[in-house]
């Protein structure tokens, strides 16, 4: 390798050595901030209703205590959740059975 090029490359050991203190600092700050969090909130999802053994529950969750870090304009953090629970009272193959039956396609 050319000496001029070799002098400009950062070695793996140096990179890891320089990154280790920063990683430790980030971990200690995260631990300190985690200790100052408000009390935990327990979320519950409503049970599905309807005549079929499968339901769909769509939730739009908004956390007004935190700002969305990925948005260019400040607004509360939002999360869309879709849940499709299977009714456990029914008999027969569950999702595992469908995956096993479809296995011959792959």
Protein backbone atom coordinates (compact mmCIF):
# COMPACT_ATOMS: atom_id res chain seq x y z
CA UNK A 1 0.00 0.00 0.00
CA UNK A 2 1.22 3.50 -0.78
CA UNK A 3 2.69 5.33 2.28
CA UNK A 4 0.57 8.44 1.60
CA UNK A 5 -2.60 6.36 1.56
CA UNK A 6 -1.54 4.30 4.60
CA UNK A 7 -1.08 7.46 6.69
CA UNK A 8 -4.62 8.67 5.96
CA UNK A 9 -6.42 5.43 6.82
CA UNK A 10 -7.71 4.97 10.34
CA UNK A 11 -6.78 1.63 11.81
CA UNK A 12 -9.45 -0.62 13.27
CA UNK A 13 -7.80 -0.61 16.71
CA UNK A 14 -7.54 3.16 16.80
CA UNK A 15 -11.15 3.55 15.73
CA UNK A 16 -12.33 1.14 18.43
CA UNK A 17 -10.06 2.77 21.00
CA UNK A 18 -11.45 6.22 20.22
CA UNK A 19 -15.05 4.97 20.19
CA UNK A 20 -14.89 3.13 23.53
CA UNK A 21 -14.91 6.24 25.78
CA UNK A 22 -17.75 7.78 23.77
CA UNK A 23 -19.76 4.57 24.07
CA UNK A 24 -19.21 4.53 27.82
CA UNK A 25 -20.30 8.16 28.08
CA UNK A 26 -23.47 7.52 26.09
CA UNK A 27 -24.28 4.46 28.21
CA UNK A 28 -23.81 6.36 31.48
CA UNK A 29 -25.97 9.29 30.30
CA UNK A 30 -28.68 6.89 29.13
CA UNK A 31 -28.60 5.12 32.50
CA UNK A 32 -28.86 8.43 34.35
CA UNK A 33 -31.78 9.56 32.21
CA UNK A 34 -33.54 6.22 32.63
CA UNK A 35 -33.52 6.76 36.40
CA UNK A 36 -35.38 10.07 36.05
CA UNK A 37 -38.27 8.74 33.98
CA UNK A 38 -41.82 9.25 35.24
CA UNK A 39 -43.81 6.26 36.40
CA UNK A 40 -44.58 3.53 33.89
CA UNK A 41 -47.90 3.44 32.09
CA UNK A 42 -49.55 0.08 31.49
CA UNK A 43 -51.34 -0.08 28.15
CA UNK A 44 -54.22 -2.44 27.55
CA UNK A 45 -55.62 -3.44 24.19
CA UNK A 46 -59.37 -3.97 23.85
CA UNK A 47 -60.53 -7.50 23.08
CA UNK A 48 -61.72 -8.07 19.50
CA UNK A 49 -65.45 -8.33 18.87
CA UNK A 50 -67.41 -9.92 16.06
CA UNK A 51 -68.59 -13.31 14.82
CA UNK A 52 -65.23 -14.56 13.50
CA UNK A 53 -62.30 -16.14 15.31
CA UNK A 54 -59.90 -13.41 14.16
CA UNK A 55 -60.15 -9.73 14.86
CA UNK A 56 -58.31 -6.56 13.97
CA UNK A 57 -57.51 -3.85 16.47
CA UNK A 58 -55.97 -0.61 15.17
CA UNK A 59 -54.51 1.83 17.67
CA UNK A 60 -53.18 5.35 17.20
CA UNK A 61 -50.93 5.98 20.21
CA UNK A 62 -49.72 9.51 21.01
CA UNK A 63 -47.11 10.29 23.66
CA UNK A 64 -47.55 13.97 24.51
CA UNK A 65 -44.61 13.85 26.94
CA UNK A 66 -42.06 13.24 24.15
CA UNK A 67 -41.34 14.98 20.86
CA UNK A 68 -40.90 13.01 17.64
CA UNK A 69 -37.13 13.00 16.95
CA UNK A 70 -37.55 12.27 13.22
CA UNK A 71 -39.90 15.14 12.39
CA UNK A 72 -38.72 18.49 11.03
CA UNK A 73 -41.53 20.27 12.92
CA UNK A 74 -42.02 19.63 16.65
CA UNK A 75 -45.03 17.50 17.50
CA UNK A 76 -45.79 14.65 19.92
CA UNK A 77 -44.43 11.18 19.25
CA UNK A 78 -47.00 8.97 17.47
CA UNK A 79 -47.21 5.27 16.77
CA UNK A 80 -49.71 3.29 14.72
CA UNK A 81 -50.27 -0.29 15.85
CA UNK A 82 -52.31 -2.98 14.10
CA UNK A 83 -53.00 -6.14 16.04
CA UNK A 84 -54.68 -9.23 14.61
CA UNK A 85 -55.27 -11.58 17.53
CA UNK A 86 -56.56 -15.10 17.02
CA UNK A 87 -59.38 -16.25 19.26
CA UNK A 88 -57.90 -18.89 21.55
CA UNK A 89 -61.30 -20.48 22.22
CA UNK A 90 -61.45 -22.08 18.75
CA UNK A 91 -60.10 -25.52 17.95
CA UNK A 92 -58.00 -26.53 14.99
CA UNK A 93 -54.67 -25.47 13.55
CA UNK A 94 -53.42 -22.06 14.46
CA UNK A 95 -51.07 -19.87 12.48
CA UNK A 96 -48.36 -22.50 12.96
CA UNK A 97 -50.45 -25.02 11.02
CA UNK A 98 -50.88 -22.64 8.09
CA UNK A 99 -47.15 -22.00 7.97
CA UNK A 100 -46.46 -25.74 8.03
CA UNK A 101 -48.99 -26.38 5.25
CA UNK A 102 -47.50 -23.60 3.11
CA UNK A 103 -43.97 -24.91 3.64
CA UNK A 104 -43.98 -26.94 0.45
CA UNK A 105 -44.12 -23.71 -1.60
CA UNK A 106 -40.66 -22.66 -0.45
